[in-house]
Amino acid sequence: MSFKKLIILSMILTACGLATTRPKEEMNMAQAAFLAAKASKAEVHAPTLFRKAEIYYLKAKSAYRRKYFNKAKQYATLSQKFAEQAEFESIKKATQE
């Protein structure tokens, strides 16, 4: 009987370890930052930063579809960071012209 309890306990602990939350907020923030960078014409004024943001955004979407939520969260955070930098550089260069 204790063997059954041990198996049930190990199954419960394993199931809890596999449960991760979906990074919905991070994905939404990355998307919003990417679209804002695109709207500010960052692909023209800050192409390197914009391309990095785009690559990480696509990786985040791919990881999310495959249910690699930890990776998706990391990529979404990086995408947001680079998109915000690209938008800032784009706006800065546009005002200097």
PDB file of N, CA and C in Angstrom:
ATOM      1  N   MET A   1       0.817  -1.186   0.000  1.00  0.00           N
ATOM      2  CA  MET A   1       0.000   0.000   0.000  1.00  0.00           C
ATOM      3  C   MET A   1       0.870   1.263   0.000  1.00  0.00           C
ATOM      4  N   SER A   2       1.989   1.245   0.670  1.00  0.00           N
ATOM      5  CA  SER A   2       2.865   2.410   0.677  1.00  0.00           C
ATOM      6  C   SER A   2       3.503   2.629  -0.691  1.00  0.00           C
ATOM      7  N   PHE A   3       3.657   1.566  -1.469  1.00  0.00           N
ATOM      8  CA  PHE A   3       4.192   1.692  -2.818  1.00  0.00           C
ATOM      9  C   PHE A   3       3.232   2.483  -3.701  1.00  0.00           C
ATOM     10  N   LYS A   4       1.935   2.243  -3.558  1.00  0.00           N
ATOM     11  CA  LYS A   4       0.934   2.981  -4.314  1.00  0.00           C
ATOM     12  C   LYS A   4       0.949   4.453  -3.936  1.00  0.00           C
ATOM     13  N   LYS A   5       1.078   4.720  -2.654  1.00  0.00           N
ATOM     14  CA  LYS A   5       1.142   6.115  -2.204  1.00  0.00           C
ATOM     15  C   LYS A   5       2.369   6.815  -2.756  1.00  0.00           C
ATOM     16  N   LEU A   6       3.474   6.119  -2.805  1.00  0.00           N
ATOM     17  CA  LEU A   6       4.708   6.685  -3.338  1.00  0.00           C
ATOM     18  C   LEU A   6       4.560   7.002  -4.820  1.00  0.00           C
ATOM     19  N   ILE A   7       3.930   6.131  -5.571  1.00  0.00           N
ATOM     20  CA  ILE A   7       3.713   6.366  -6.996  1.00  0.00           C
ATOM     21  C   ILE A   7       2.775   7.553  -7.205  1.00  0.00           C
ATOM     22  N   ILE A   8       1.710   7.601  -6.451  1.00  0.00           N
ATOM     23  CA  ILE A   8       0.764   8.717  -6.572  1.00  0.00           C
ATOM     24  C   ILE A   8       1.430  10.034  -6.201  1.00  0.00           C
ATOM     25  N   LEU A   9       2.206  10.029  -5.146  1.00  0.00           N
ATOM     26  CA  LEU A   9       2.908  11.243  -4.729  1.00  0.00           C
ATOM     27  C   LEU A   9       3.900  11.699  -5.800  1.00  0.00           C
ATOM     28  N   SER A  10       4.640  10.766  -6.374  1.00  0.00           N
ATOM     29  CA  SER A  10       5.602  11.140  -7.410  1.00  0.00           C
ATOM     30  C   SER A  10       4.892  11.659  -8.659  1.00  0.00           C
ATOM     31  N   MET A  11       3.727  11.102  -8.988  1.00  0.00           N
ATOM     32  CA  MET A  11       2.957  11.593 -10.138  1.00  0.00           C
ATOM     33  C   MET A  11       2.459  13.019  -9.895  1.00  0.00           C
ATOM     34  N   ILE A  12       2.016  13.292  -8.698  1.00  0.00           N
ATOM     35  CA  ILE A  12       1.527  14.632  -8.363  1.00  0.00           C
ATOM     36  C   ILE A  12       2.661  15.648  -8.431  1.00  0.00           C
ATOM     37  N   LEU A  13       3.802  15.307  -7.874  1.00  0.00           N
ATOM     38  CA  LEU A  13       4.942  16.220  -7.890  1.00  0.00           C
ATOM     39  C   LEU A  13       5.447  16.448  -9.306  1.00  0.00           C
ATOM     40  N   THR A  14       5.449  15.432 -10.120  1.00  0.00           N
ATOM     41  CA  THR A  14       5.879  15.567 -11.507  1.00  0.00           C
ATOM     42  C   THR A  14       4.915  16.455 -12.275  1.00  0.00           C
ATOM     43  N   ALA A  15       3.646  16.276 -12.059  1.00  0.00           N
ATOM     44  CA  ALA A  15       2.648  17.082 -12.757  1.00  0.00           C
ATOM     45  C   ALA A  15       2.762  18.552 -12.384  1.00  0.00           C
ATOM     46  N   CYS A  16       3.051  18.838 -11.133  1.00  0.00           N
ATOM     47  CA  CYS A  16       3.209  20.239 -10.702  1.00  0.00           C
ATOM     48  C   CYS A  16       4.433  20.871 -11.338  1.00  0.00           C
ATOM     49  N   GLY A  17       5.475  20.095 -11.518  1.00  0.00           N
ATOM     50  CA  GLY A  17       6.696  20.625 -12.116  1.00  0.00           C
ATOM     51  C   GLY A  17       6.528  20.933 -13.590  1.00  0.00           C
ATOM     52  N   LEU A  18       5.622  20.234 -14.256  1.00  0.00           N
ATOM     53  CA  LEU A  18       5.419  20.454 -15.685  1.00  0.00           C
ATOM     54  C   LEU A  18       4.488  21.624 -15.972  1.00  0.00           C
ATOM     55  N   ALA A  19       3.730  22.025 -14.992  1.00  0.00           N
ATOM     56  CA  ALA A  19       2.761  23.094 -15.196  1.00  0.00           C
ATOM     57  C   ALA A  19       3.456  24.447 -15.144  1.00  0.00           C
ATOM     58  N   THR A  20       3.522  25.092 -16.295  1.00  0.00           N
ATOM     59  CA  THR A  20       4.050  26.455 -16.355  1.00  0.00           C
ATOM     60  C   THR A  20       2.972  27.352 -16.942  1.00  0.00           C
ATOM     61  N   THR A  21       2.994  28.581 -16.574  1.00  0.00           N
ATOM     62  CA  THR A  21       1.975  29.500 -17.064  1.00  0.00           C
ATOM     63  C   THR A  21       2.363  30.011 -18.446  1.00  0.00           C
ATOM     64  N   ARG A  22       1.370  30.284 -19.226  1.00  0.00           N
ATOM     65  CA  ARG A  22       1.607  30.818 -20.572  1.00  0.00           C
ATOM     66  C   ARG A  22       2.003  32.290 -20.447  1.00  0.00           C
ATOM     67  N   PRO A  23       3.038  32.705 -21.166  1.00  0.00           N
ATOM     68  CA  PRO A  23       3.488  34.100 -21.064  1.00  0.00           C
ATOM     69  C   PRO A  23       2.659  35.031 -21.954  1.00  0.00           C
ATOM     70  N   LYS A  24       1.371  35.103 -21.683  1.00  0.00           N
ATOM     71  CA  LYS A  24       0.469  35.912 -22.508  1.00  0.00           C
ATOM     72  C   LYS A  24       0.824  37.394 -22.441  1.00  0.00           C
ATOM     73  N   GLU A  25       1.069  37.871 -21.234  1.00  0.00           N
ATOM     74  CA  GLU A  25       1.370  39.296 -21.072  1.00  0.00           C
ATOM     75  C   GLU A  25       2.672  39.667 -21.777  1.00  0.00           C
ATOM     76  N   GLU A  26       3.686  38.833 -21.629  1.00  0.00           N
ATOM     77  CA  GLU A  26       4.973  39.101 -22.271  1.00  0.00           C
ATOM     78  C   GLU A  26       4.833  39.100 -23.794  1.00  0.00           C
ATOM     79  N   MET A  27       4.047  38.164 -24.320  1.00  0.00           N
ATOM     80  CA  MET A  27       3.835  38.100 -25.763  1.00  0.00           C
ATOM     81  C   MET A  27       3.084  39.342 -26.261  1.00  0.00           C
ATOM     82  N   ASN A  28       2.080  39.768 -25.510  1.00  0.00           N
ATOM     83  CA  ASN A  28       1.327  40.964 -25.898  1.00  0.00           C
ATOM     84  C   ASN A  28       2.200  42.214 -25.850  1.00  0.00           C
ATOM     85  N   MET A  29       3.028  42.310 -24.820  1.00  0.00           N
ATOM     86  CA  MET A  29       3.917  43.477 -24.702  1.00  0.00           C
ATOM     87  C   MET A  29       4.949  43.488 -25.829  1.00  0.00           C
ATOM     88  N   ALA A  30       5.475  42.322 -26.166  1.00  0.00           N
ATOM     89  CA  ALA A  30       6.447  42.232 -27.261  1.00  0.00           C
ATOM     90  C   ALA A  30       5.794  42.615 -28.582  1.00  0.00           C
ATOM     91  N   GLN A  31       4.575  42.154 -28.796  1.00  0.00           N
ATOM     92  CA  GLN A  31       3.863  42.487 -30.031  1.00  0.00           C
ATOM     93  C   GLN A  31       3.603  43.988 -30.123  1.00  0.00           C
ATOM     94  N   ALA A  32       3.163  44.573 -29.023  1.00  0.00           N
ATOM     95  CA  ALA A  32       2.876  46.013 -29.016  1.00  0.00           C
ATOM     96  C   ALA A  32       4.148  46.821 -29.267  1.00  0.00           C
ATOM     97  N   ALA A  33       5.245  46.423 -28.641  1.00  0.00           N
ATOM     98  CA  ALA A  33       6.511  47.137 -28.834  1.00  0.00           C
ATOM     99  C   ALA A  33       6.993  46.985 -30.269  1.00  0.00           C
ATOM    100  N   PHE A  34       6.859  45.784 -30.830  1.00  0.00           N
ATOM    101  CA  PHE A  34       7.283  45.548 -32.201  1.00  0.00           C
ATOM    102  C   PHE A  34       6.458  46.382 -33.186  1.00  0.00           C
ATOM    103  N   LEU A  35       5.149  46.420 -32.994  1.00  0.00           N
ATOM    104  CA  LEU A  35       4.289  47.204 -33.880  1.00  0.00           C
ATOM    105  C   LEU A  35       4.553  48.702 -33.742  1.00  0.00           C
ATOM    106  N   ALA A  36       4.869  49.144 -32.534  1.00  0.00           N
ATOM    107  CA  ALA A  36       5.196  50.562 -32.335  1.00  0.00           C
ATOM    108  C   ALA A  36       6.514  50.909 -33.037  1.00  0.00           C
ATOM    109  N   ALA A  37       7.471  50.002 -32.967  1.00  0.00           N
ATOM    110  CA  ALA A  37       8.742  50.231 -33.661  1.00  0.00           C
ATOM    111  C   ALA A  37       8.524  50.265 -35.173  1.00  0.00           C
ATOM    112  N   LYS A  38       7.680  49.386 -35.647  1.00  0.00           N
ATOM    113  CA  LYS A  38       7.385  49.344 -37.080  1.00  0.00           C
ATOM    114  C   LYS A  38       6.681  50.625 -37.520  1.00  0.00           C
ATOM    115  N   ALA A  39       5.772  51.127 -36.691  1.00  0.00           N
ATOM    116  CA  ALA A  39       5.040  52.354 -37.006  1.00  0.00           C
ATOM    117  C   ALA A  39       5.955  53.573 -37.037  1.00  0.00           C
ATOM    118  N   SER A  40       7.034  53.528 -36.251  1.00  0.00           N
ATOM    119  CA  SER A  40       7.970  54.657 -36.222  1.00  0.00           C
ATOM    120  C   SER A  40       9.047  54.529 -37.299  1.00  0.00           C
ATOM    121  N   LYS A  41       8.861  53.562 -38.210  1.00  0.00           N
ATOM    122  CA  LYS A  41       9.790  53.315 -39.321  1.00  0.00           C
ATOM    123  C   LYS A  41      11.186  52.957 -38.828  1.00  0.00           C
ATOM    124  N   ALA A  42      11.221  52.132 -37.800  1.00  0.00           N
ATOM    125  CA  ALA A  42      12.504  51.704 -37.231  1.00  0.00           C
ATOM    126  C   ALA A  42      13.290  50.838 -38.196  1.00  0.00           C
ATOM    127  N   GLU A  43      12.605  50.173 -39.145  1.00  0.00           N
ATOM    128  CA  GLU A  43      13.347  49.354 -40.097  1.00  0.00           C
ATOM    129  C   GLU A  43      14.218  50.203 -41.016  1.00  0.00           C
ATOM    130  N   VAL A  44      13.900  51.508 -41.106  1.00  0.00           N
ATOM    131  CA  VAL A  44      14.713  52.433 -41.910  1.00  0.00           C
ATOM    132  C   VAL A  44      15.759  53.129 -41.041  1.00  0.00           C
ATOM    133  N   HIS A  45      15.345  53.632 -39.881  1.00  0.00           N
ATOM    134  CA  HIS A  45      16.214  54.443 -39.033  1.00  0.00           C
ATOM    135  C   HIS A  45      17.094  53.639 -38.079  1.00  0.00           C
ATOM    136  N   ALA A  46      16.655  52.465 -37.675  1.00  0.00           N
ATOM    137  CA  ALA A  46      17.439  51.621 -36.761  1.00  0.00           C
ATOM    138  C   ALA A  46      17.299  50.160 -37.197  1.00  0.00           C
ATOM    139  N   PRO A  47      17.831  49.824 -38.373  1.00  0.00           N
ATOM    140  CA  PRO A  47      17.576  48.488 -38.933  1.00  0.00           C
ATOM    141  C   PRO A  47      18.157  47.336 -38.120  1.00  0.00           C
ATOM    142  N   THR A  48      19.294  47.518 -37.505  1.00  0.00           N
ATOM    143  CA  THR A  48      19.911  46.431 -36.738  1.00  0.00           C
ATOM    144  C   THR A  48      19.074  46.076 -35.519  1.00  0.00           C
ATOM    145  N   LEU A  49      18.682  47.074 -34.767  1.00  0.00           N
ATOM    146  CA  LEU A  49      17.856  46.828 -33.582  1.00  0.00           C
ATOM    147  C   LEU A  49      16.487  46.278 -33.966  1.00  0.00           C
ATOM    148  N   PHE A  50      15.928  46.830 -35.042  1.00  0.00           N
ATOM    149  CA  PHE A  50      14.616  46.362 -35.486  1.00  0.00           C
ATOM    150  C   PHE A  50      14.688  44.901 -35.927  1.00  0.00           C
ATOM    151  N   ARG A  51      15.742  44.531 -36.617  1.00  0.00           N
ATOM    152  CA  ARG A  51      15.884  43.145 -37.079  1.00  0.00           C
ATOM    153  C   ARG A  51      16.045  42.185 -35.899  1.00  0.00           C
ATOM    154  N   LYS A  52      16.805  42.593 -34.882  1.00  0.00           N
ATOM    155  CA  LYS A  52      16.941  41.760 -33.679  1.00  0.00           C
ATOM    156  C   LYS A  52      15.582  41.571 -33.008  1.00  0.00           C
ATOM    157  N   ALA A  53      14.822  42.655 -32.915  1.00  0.00           N
ATOM    158  CA  ALA A  53      13.490  42.570 -32.300  1.00  0.00           C
ATOM    159  C   ALA A  53      12.600  41.628 -33.094  1.00  0.00           C
ATOM    160  N   GLU A  54      12.687  41.715 -34.410  1.00  0.00           N
ATOM    161  CA  GLU A  54      11.866  40.858 -35.262  1.00  0.00           C
ATOM    162  C   GLU A  54      12.247  39.385 -35.117  1.00  0.00           C
ATOM    163  N   ILE A  55      13.538  39.111 -35.101  1.00  0.00           N
ATOM    164  CA  ILE A  55      14.010  37.723 -34.955  1.00  0.00           C
ATOM    165  C   ILE A  55      13.541  37.136 -33.630  1.00  0.00           C
ATOM    166  N   TYR A  56      13.736  37.879 -32.543  1.00  0.00           N
ATOM    167  CA  TYR A  56      13.313  37.372 -31.234  1.00  0.00           C
ATOM    168  C   TYR A  56      11.799  37.241 -31.131  1.00  0.00           C
ATOM    169  N   TYR A  57      11.063  38.133 -31.787  1.00  0.00           N
ATOM    170  CA  TYR A  57       9.609  38.036 -31.770  1.00  0.00           C
ATOM    171  C   TYR A  57       9.146  36.769 -32.494  1.00  0.00           C
ATOM    172  N   LEU A  58       9.755  36.486 -33.630  1.00  0.00           N
ATOM    173  CA  LEU A  58       9.396  35.270 -34.361  1.00  0.00           C
ATOM    174  C   LEU A  58       9.784  34.014 -33.587  1.00  0.00           C
ATOM    175  N   LYS A  59      10.934  34.059 -32.916  1.00  0.00           N
ATOM    176  CA  LYS A  59      11.336  32.923 -32.077  1.00  0.00           C
ATOM    177  C   LYS A  59      10.365  32.736 -30.914  1.00  0.00           C
ATOM    178  N   ALA A  60       9.918  33.841 -30.329  1.00  0.00           N
ATOM    179  CA  ALA A  60       8.964  33.763 -29.215  1.00  0.00           C
ATOM    180  C   ALA A  60       7.646  33.148 -29.675  1.00  0.00           C
ATOM    181  N   LYS A  61       7.159  33.564 -30.843  1.00  0.00           N
ATOM    182  CA  LYS A  61       5.920  33.001 -31.367  1.00  0.00           C
ATOM    183  C   LYS A  61       6.070  31.514 -31.652  1.00  0.00           C
ATOM    184  N   SER A  62       7.212  31.127 -32.200  1.00  0.00           N
ATOM    185  CA  SER A  62       7.454  29.718 -32.502  1.00  0.00           C
ATOM    186  C   SER A  62       7.521  28.884 -31.226  1.00  0.00           C
ATOM    187  N   ALA A  63       8.252  29.379 -30.237  1.00  0.00           N
ATOM    188  CA  ALA A  63       8.366  28.653 -28.966  1.00  0.00           C
ATOM    189  C   ALA A  63       7.009  28.560 -28.270  1.00  0.00           C
ATOM    190  N   TYR A  64       6.213  29.604 -28.367  1.00  0.00           N
ATOM    191  CA  TYR A  64       4.886  29.601 -27.755  1.00  0.00           C
ATOM    192  C   TYR A  64       3.993  28.544 -28.408  1.00  0.00           C
ATOM    193  N   ARG A  65       4.040  28.478 -29.746  1.00  0.00           N
ATOM    194  CA  ARG A  65       3.245  27.472 -30.460  1.00  0.00           C
ATOM    195  C   ARG A  65       3.653  26.053 -30.083  1.00  0.00           C
ATOM    196  N   ARG A  66       4.942  25.864 -29.826  1.00  0.00           N
ATOM    197  CA  ARG A  66       5.441  24.535 -29.461  1.00  0.00           C
ATOM    198  C   ARG A  66       5.311  24.252 -27.965  1.00  0.00           C
ATOM    199  N   LYS A  67       4.758  25.220 -27.241  1.00  0.00           N
ATOM    200  CA  LYS A  67       4.519  25.114 -25.796  1.00  0.00           C
ATOM    201  C   LYS A  67       5.810  25.107 -24.967  1.00  0.00           C
ATOM    202  N   TYR A  68       6.849  25.754 -25.501  1.00  0.00           N
ATOM    203  CA  TYR A  68       8.070  26.002 -24.726  1.00  0.00           C
ATOM    204  C   TYR A  68       7.917  27.382 -24.099  1.00  0.00           C
ATOM    205  N   PHE A  69       7.115  27.451 -23.047  1.00  0.00           N
ATOM    206  CA  PHE A  69       6.711  28.745 -22.512  1.00  0.00           C
ATOM    207  C   PHE A  69       7.859  29.514 -21.858  1.00  0.00           C
ATOM    208  N   ASN A  70       8.803  28.819 -21.248  1.00  0.00           N
ATOM    209  CA  ASN A  70       9.940  29.517 -20.647  1.00  0.00           C
ATOM    210  C   ASN A  70      10.779  30.206 -21.720  1.00  0.00           C
ATOM    211  N   LYS A  71      11.044  29.495 -22.813  1.00  0.00           N
ATOM    212  CA  LYS A  71      11.803  30.085 -23.919  1.00  0.00           C
ATOM    213  C   LYS A  71      11.011  31.217 -24.566  1.00  0.00           C
ATOM    214  N   ALA A  72       9.718  31.014 -24.728  1.00  0.00           N
ATOM    215  CA  ALA A  72       8.878  32.050 -25.331  1.00  0.00           C
ATOM    216  C   ALA A  72       8.922  33.333 -24.503  1.00  0.00           C
ATOM    217  N   LYS A  73       8.903  33.180 -23.195  1.00  0.00           N
ATOM    218  CA  LYS A  73       8.966  34.345 -22.323  1.00  0.00           C
ATOM    219  C   LYS A  73      10.308  35.070 -22.467  1.00  0.00           C
ATOM    220  N   GLN A  74      11.397  34.311 -22.512  1.00  0.00           N
ATOM    221  CA  GLN A  74      12.729  34.917 -22.680  1.00  0.00           C
ATOM    222  C   GLN A  74      12.819  35.661 -24.007  1.00  0.00           C
ATOM    223  N   TYR A  75      12.381  35.003 -25.083  1.00  0.00           N
ATOM    224  CA  TYR A  75      12.452  35.639 -26.400  1.00  0.00           C
ATOM    225  C   TYR A  75      11.547  36.854 -26.495  1.00  0.00           C
ATOM    226  N   ALA A  76      10.366  36.791 -25.901  1.00  0.00           N
ATOM    227  CA  ALA A  76       9.446  37.928 -25.930  1.00  0.00           C
ATOM    228  C   ALA A  76      10.027  39.118 -25.186  1.00  0.00           C
ATOM    229  N   THR A  77      10.682  38.856 -24.072  1.00  0.00           N
ATOM    230  CA  THR A  77      11.305  39.937 -23.303  1.00  0.00           C
ATOM    231  C   THR A  77      12.434  40.580 -24.107  1.00  0.00           C
ATOM    232  N   LEU A  78      13.245  39.762 -24.757  1.00  0.00           N
ATOM    233  CA  LEU A  78      14.325  40.306 -25.595  1.00  0.00           C
ATOM    234  C   LEU A  78      13.761  41.085 -26.782  1.00  0.00           C
ATOM    235  N   SER A  79      12.711  40.567 -27.386  1.00  0.00           N
ATOM    236  CA  SER A  79      12.092  41.253 -28.508  1.00  0.00           C
ATOM    237  C   SER A  79      11.567  42.614 -28.084  1.00  0.00           C
ATOM    238  N   GLN A  80      10.923  42.658 -26.941  1.00  0.00           N
ATOM    239  CA  GLN A  80      10.397  43.932 -26.439  1.00  0.00           C
ATOM    240  C   GLN A  80      11.533  44.921 -26.197  1.00  0.00           C
ATOM    241  N   LYS A  81      12.614  44.447 -25.608  1.00  0.00           N
ATOM    242  CA  LYS A  81      13.757  45.319 -25.315  1.00  0.00           C
ATOM    243  C   LYS A  81      14.327  45.927 -26.597  1.00  0.00           C
ATOM    244  N   PHE A  82      14.571  45.087 -27.595  1.00  0.00           N
ATOM    245  CA  PHE A  82      15.151  45.588 -28.841  1.00  0.00           C
ATOM    246  C   PHE A  82      14.166  46.437 -29.629  1.00  0.00           C
ATOM    247  N   ALA A  83      12.885  46.112 -29.567  1.00  0.00           N
ATOM    248  CA  ALA A  83      11.884  46.916 -30.264  1.00  0.00           C
ATOM    249  C   ALA A  83      11.780  48.308 -29.651  1.00  0.00           C
ATOM    250  N   GLU A  84      11.832  48.379 -28.338  1.00  0.00           N
ATOM    251  CA  GLU A  84      11.776  49.688 -27.676  1.00  0.00           C
ATOM    252  C   GLU A  84      13.016  50.511 -27.995  1.00  0.00           C
ATOM    253  N   GLN A  85      14.174  49.878 -28.023  1.00  0.00           N
ATOM    254  CA  GLN A  85      15.400  50.589 -28.391  1.00  0.00           C
ATOM    255  C   GLN A  85      15.334  51.068 -29.838  1.00  0.00           C
ATOM    256  N   ALA A  86      14.829  50.221 -30.719  1.00  0.00           N
ATOM    257  CA  ALA A  86      14.713  50.595 -32.130  1.00  0.00           C
ATOM    258  C   ALA A  86      13.742  51.752 -32.312  1.00  0.00           C
ATOM    259  N   GLU A  87      12.637  51.708 -31.596  1.00  0.00           N
ATOM    260  CA  GLU A  87      11.666  52.806 -31.681  1.00  0.00           C
ATOM    261  C   GLU A  87      12.273  54.108 -31.181  1.00  0.00           C
ATOM    262  N   PHE A  88      12.998  54.044 -30.081  1.00  0.00           N
ATOM    263  CA  PHE A  88      13.634  55.242 -29.529  1.00  0.00           C
ATOM    264  C   PHE A  88      14.640  55.825 -30.523  1.00  0.00           C
ATOM    265  N   GLU A  89      15.488  54.961 -31.085  1.00  0.00           N
ATOM    266  CA  GLU A  89      16.489  55.426 -32.062  1.00  0.00           C
ATOM    267  C   GLU A  89      15.808  56.011 -33.287  1.00  0.00           C
ATOM    268  N   SER A  90      14.740  55.386 -33.728  1.00  0.00           N
ATOM    269  CA  SER A  90      14.018  55.866 -34.908  1.00  0.00           C
ATOM    270  C   SER A  90      13.415  57.244 -34.675  1.00  0.00           C
ATOM    271  N   ILE A  91      12.793  57.412 -33.526  1.00  0.00           N
ATOM    272  CA  ILE A  91      12.187  58.705 -33.208  1.00  0.00           C
ATOM    273  C   ILE A  91      13.269  59.767 -33.062  1.00  0.00           C
ATOM    274  N   LYS A  92      14.375  59.397 -32.418  1.00  0.00           N
ATOM    275  CA  LYS A  92      15.482  60.333 -32.239  1.00  0.00           C
ATOM    276  C   LYS A  92      16.044  60.789 -33.578  1.00  0.00           C
ATOM    277  N   LYS A  93      16.264  59.846 -34.489  1.00  0.00           N
ATOM    278  CA  LYS A  93      16.817  60.202 -35.792  1.00  0.00           C
ATOM    279  C   LYS A  93      15.816  60.981 -36.630  1.00  0.00           C
ATOM    280  N   ALA A  94      14.540  60.666 -36.507  1.00  0.00           N
ATOM    281  CA  ALA A  94      13.518  61.380 -37.259  1.00  0.00           C
ATOM    282  C   ALA A  94      13.398  62.827 -36.808  1.00  0.00           C
ATOM    283  N   THR A  95      13.576  63.079 -35.529  1.00  0.00           N
ATOM    284  CA  THR A  95      13.488  64.468 -35.048  1.00  0.00           C
ATOM    285  C   THR A  95      14.743  65.263 -35.394  1.00  0.00           C
ATOM    286  N   GLN A  96      15.854  64.589 -35.576  1.00  0.00           N
ATOM    287  CA  GLN A  96      17.095  65.290 -35.931  1.00  0.00           C
ATOM    288  C   GLN A  96      17.102  65.691 -37.407  1.00  0.00           C
ATOM    289  N   GLU A  97      16.299  65.028 -38.216  1.00  0.00           N
ATOM    290  CA  GLU A  97      16.283  65.347 -39.660  1.00  0.00           C
ATOM    291  C   GLU A  97      15.450  66.544 -39.965  1.00  0.00           C
TER     292      GLU A  97
END
